[in-house]
Every structure is written in C-alpha cells, then in structure tokens.
Amino acid sequence: MGNEDDFNTMYSFYKPKLFTIAHSYIGNKEDAEEIVHDVLIKLWEKREKLTVTSNFTGYVYRMTRNACLDYLRSKKNRLSKESTSDQQEHWLNYSALSDDASSQIISQELQSVVERAITHLPEKCKNVFVKSRMEGMAHKEISEQMEISPKTVENHISRALRELKQVLKEYLPMLFL
C-alpha cells in the first residue's frame, strides 16, 4: 500500500506544519527538521499498522509533540549543573510540552474549530477532504469511488485547505509561536 508519490504528498503536506511546531518547541532549526523527518519516516513505515479512526492530523501532531518531548528530555538529562539560558529555555519548553492538561485543552479547541470549519465546506468538497485527510484514502481511490477525476479531487482538497487555513490563521500564532 502506498508508493513514493503518496509518501511525497504526505511529506510535503505535513512537513511545514510539523516543522513550525517542532521549531517553536526546540528552537533549533536543524534539530527541528531532523525531528520532523524522523516522525514522517516513522509514520510512513507504520502506515499499514495504524488504526487511527478519527483525527489523523491530531495523531501526527501528537507524534511530533512526543518526539519533541523525547528530544527535550534527552537534552535535560545532559544538562550540567551550570544552567545556561539555552538550557533554561529547553527546560521551559519541556515543561510546557509536558503540561498535558493545557495541551489537551488546546488540542480539543483546535479540533473543534477544524471540525466546524469542515462542516461548512460544500458537500462534495467536504466528502473529498474527509476521505483524503481523515480516512487516509489516496487521490486515485477517491476519484474512482466518487466517480470524479483525480484533478477534481486535487481541486477540492486545495479549496478545503485554503478555507481551513483562513479559519485557522488566527489560531496559529497563539499555538505555535
């Protein structure tokens, strides 16, 4: 199941978003890129065993958050008794990430906003988007199942992403910067 095109599509869709998350927590561009790359490779390698039934994007974000936690935890373990400002920043980021209650509240609020935005999409656009992003179906499968061209599938997904991006733009600075 899945080929190089599917992987590239997944990678190009999630990489910028996951990098923003990882970089905001880690503070180091190279380490953040490595974390995101590792998360996406791990996700791809385990794709056939995954049983995510509701919020795939939330699952990917949690994977990234957990990878950042692991990174910060390993940094914390290497800290010397003399604490530099970078080390203090890493510790604060680790503490913030570890705060499951606030992370869960933010995650639930964001999921609610996304779900409401999806319900406001035109019916066909919503169906295509849900099949692609929530159910993980390939564009070709969607086009065959809905009897539309693959280009139409891409157009619906692009429209949905534009509209979701518009709805979510006010949340991004609060969540990731």
Protein backbone atom coordinates (compact mmCIF):
# COMPACT_ATOMS: atom_id res chain seq x y z
CA MET A 1 0.00 0.00 0.00
CA GLY A 2 1.35 3.42 -0.92
CA ASN A 3 4.11 4.47 -3.21
CA GLU A 4 6.73 7.19 -3.49
CA ASP A 5 4.18 9.72 -4.78
CA ASP A 6 1.94 9.07 -1.77
CA PHE A 7 4.90 9.50 0.56
CA ASN A 8 5.95 12.74 -1.15
CA THR A 9 2.40 14.07 -0.94
CA MET A 10 2.18 13.25 2.76
CA TYR A 11 5.65 14.65 3.41
CA SER A 12 5.05 17.93 1.57
CA PHE A 13 1.65 18.39 3.26
CA TYR A 14 2.77 17.80 6.84
CA LYS A 15 6.42 18.92 6.87
CA PRO A 16 5.85 22.73 7.04
CA LYS A 17 3.22 22.43 9.77
CA LEU A 18 5.21 19.95 11.84
CA PHE A 19 8.38 21.99 11.41
CA THR A 20 6.60 25.06 12.80
CA ILE A 21 5.53 23.06 15.84
CA ALA A 22 8.90 21.41 16.41
CA HIS A 23 10.91 24.59 15.85
CA SER A 24 8.74 26.55 18.29
CA TYR A 25 9.45 23.97 21.00
CA ILE A 26 13.03 23.08 20.18
CA GLY A 27 14.36 26.44 18.99
CA ASN A 28 16.98 24.87 16.75
CA LYS A 29 16.22 24.67 13.03
CA GLU A 30 18.39 21.64 12.25
CA ASP A 31 17.14 19.61 15.20
CA ALA A 32 13.53 20.53 14.43
CA GLU A 33 13.97 19.43 10.80
CA GLU A 34 15.50 16.15 11.93
CA ILE A 35 12.66 15.50 14.37
CA VAL A 36 10.03 16.18 11.68
CA HIS A 37 11.86 13.98 9.17
CA ASP A 38 12.05 11.15 11.72
CA VAL A 39 8.35 11.50 12.61
CA LEU A 40 7.26 11.37 8.96
CA ILE A 41 9.51 8.40 8.18
CA LYS A 42 8.18 6.56 11.25
CA LEU A 43 4.61 7.39 10.23
CA TRP A 44 5.22 6.09 6.70
CA GLU A 45 6.88 2.89 7.90
CA LYS A 46 3.96 2.14 10.24
CA ARG A 47 1.19 3.27 7.86
CA GLU A 48 -0.28 -0.18 7.32
CA LYS A 49 -0.44 -0.95 11.05
CA LEU A 50 -2.07 2.37 12.04
CA THR A 51 -5.62 2.26 13.32
CA VAL A 52 -6.37 5.98 13.62
CA THR A 53 -10.08 6.29 13.01
CA SER A 54 -10.89 9.90 13.81
CA ASN A 55 -8.30 12.67 13.73
CA PHE A 56 -5.25 11.62 11.73
CA THR A 57 -3.78 15.13 11.75
CA GLY A 58 -4.10 15.31 15.53
CA TYR A 59 -2.33 11.95 15.71
CA VAL A 60 0.56 13.27 13.59
CA TYR A 61 0.79 16.42 15.72
CA ARG A 62 0.91 14.29 18.88
CA MET A 63 3.67 12.18 17.36
CA THR A 64 5.64 15.37 16.73
CA ARG A 65 4.94 16.68 20.21
CA ASN A 66 6.10 13.41 21.73
CA ALA A 67 9.25 13.42 19.60
CA CYS A 68 9.97 16.96 20.83
CA LEU A 69 9.41 15.80 24.40
CA ASP A 70 11.86 12.95 23.89
CA TYR A 71 14.41 15.36 22.43
CA LEU A 72 13.98 17.86 25.28
CA ARG A 73 14.08 15.06 27.86
CA SER A 74 17.38 13.84 26.45
CA LYS A 75 18.70 17.43 26.50
CA LYS A 76 17.58 17.80 30.12
CA ASN A 77 19.43 14.64 31.08
CA ARG A 78 22.61 16.06 29.57
CA LEU A 79 22.37 19.41 31.32
CA SER A 80 25.24 20.29 33.58
CA LYS A 81 24.70 21.86 36.98
CA GLU A 82 25.53 25.23 35.45
CA SER A 83 22.41 26.28 33.64
CA THR A 84 22.82 28.43 30.55
CA SER A 85 19.98 30.49 29.11
CA ASP A 86 19.64 27.96 26.25
CA GLN A 87 19.35 25.15 28.76
CA GLN A 88 16.76 27.07 30.75
CA GLU A 89 14.79 27.70 27.57
CA HIS A 90 14.88 23.98 26.71
CA TRP A 91 13.69 23.15 30.22
CA LEU A 92 10.82 25.66 29.99
CA ASN A 93 9.82 24.25 26.60
CA TYR A 94 9.95 20.75 28.05
CA SER A 95 7.78 21.82 30.98
CA ALA A 96 5.25 23.47 28.67
CA LEU A 97 5.10 20.42 26.43
CA SER A 98 4.73 18.15 29.44
CA ASP A 99 1.69 20.07 30.66
CA ASP A 100 -0.82 17.56 29.31
CA ALA A 101 -3.84 19.40 30.68
CA SER A 102 -3.17 22.63 28.79
CA SER A 103 -2.01 20.76 25.69
CA GLN A 104 -5.18 18.70 25.74
CA ILE A 105 -7.37 21.80 26.09
CA ILE A 106 -5.61 23.49 23.17
CA SER A 107 -5.81 20.31 21.12
CA GLN A 108 -9.54 19.88 21.82
CA GLU A 109 -10.28 23.51 20.98
CA LEU A 110 -8.33 23.29 17.76
CA GLN A 111 -10.01 20.01 16.81
CA SER A 112 -13.41 21.59 17.45
CA VAL A 113 -12.56 24.58 15.24
CA VAL A 114 -11.34 22.29 12.45
CA GLU A 115 -14.44 20.10 12.66
CA ARG A 116 -16.74 23.15 12.50
CA ALA A 117 -14.79 24.52 9.52
CA ILE A 118 -15.05 21.18 7.72
CA THR A 119 -18.84 21.09 8.24
CA HIS A 120 -19.10 24.47 6.48
CA LEU A 121 -17.36 23.22 3.33
CA PRO A 122 -19.51 22.47 0.28
CA GLU A 123 -20.75 18.88 0.46
CA LYS A 124 -18.61 17.35 -2.30
CA CYS A 125 -15.52 19.28 -1.17
CA LYS A 126 -16.10 18.11 2.41
CA ASN A 127 -16.51 14.47 1.33
CA VAL A 128 -13.30 14.54 -0.70
CA PHE A 129 -11.37 16.24 2.10
CA VAL A 130 -12.59 13.81 4.77
CA LYS A 131 -11.76 10.81 2.60
CA SER A 132 -8.28 12.19 1.91
CA ARG A 133 -7.22 13.66 5.21
CA MET A 134 -9.29 11.84 7.80
CA GLU A 135 -9.65 8.41 6.22
CA GLY A 136 -6.24 8.46 4.52
CA MET A 137 -7.52 7.48 1.08
CA ALA A 138 -5.33 8.12 -1.97
CA HIS A 139 -6.49 10.60 -4.61
CA LYS A 140 -6.95 7.80 -7.12
CA GLU A 141 -9.17 5.81 -4.73
CA ILE A 142 -11.30 8.88 -4.05
CA SER A 143 -11.68 9.68 -7.74
CA GLU A 144 -12.76 6.11 -8.50
CA GLN A 145 -15.14 5.90 -5.55
CA MET A 146 -16.77 9.28 -6.18
CA GLU A 147 -16.55 8.98 -9.98
CA ILE A 148 -14.66 12.25 -10.44
CA SER A 149 -11.27 12.96 -11.99
CA PRO A 150 -8.09 12.96 -9.90
CA LYS A 151 -7.67 16.64 -10.82
CA THR A 152 -11.10 17.39 -9.35
CA VAL A 153 -10.03 15.59 -6.18
CA GLU A 154 -6.94 17.81 -6.01
CA ASN A 155 -9.05 20.92 -6.61
CA HIS A 156 -11.46 20.02 -3.80
CA ILE A 157 -8.60 19.34 -1.40
CA SER A 158 -6.89 22.61 -2.34
CA ARG A 159 -10.11 24.52 -1.77
CA ALA A 160 -10.69 22.84 1.58
CA LEU A 161 -7.14 23.57 2.70
CA ARG A 162 -7.47 27.23 1.66
CA GLU A 163 -10.67 27.59 3.62
CA LEU A 164 -9.27 25.78 6.67
CA LYS A 165 -6.13 27.87 6.55
CA GLN A 166 -8.27 31.01 6.52
CA VAL A 167 -10.29 29.81 9.53
CA LEU A 168 -7.20 28.68 11.45
CA LYS A 169 -4.94 31.66 10.74
CA GLU A 170 -5.93 33.40 13.97
CA TYR A 171 -5.02 30.29 15.99
CA LEU A 172 -1.56 29.67 14.52
CA PRO A 173 0.35 32.47 16.31
CA MET A 174 -1.24 31.51 19.62
CA LEU A 175 -0.41 27.82 19.21
CA PHE A 176 2.97 27.67 17.56
CA LEU A 177 4.91 30.89 18.05
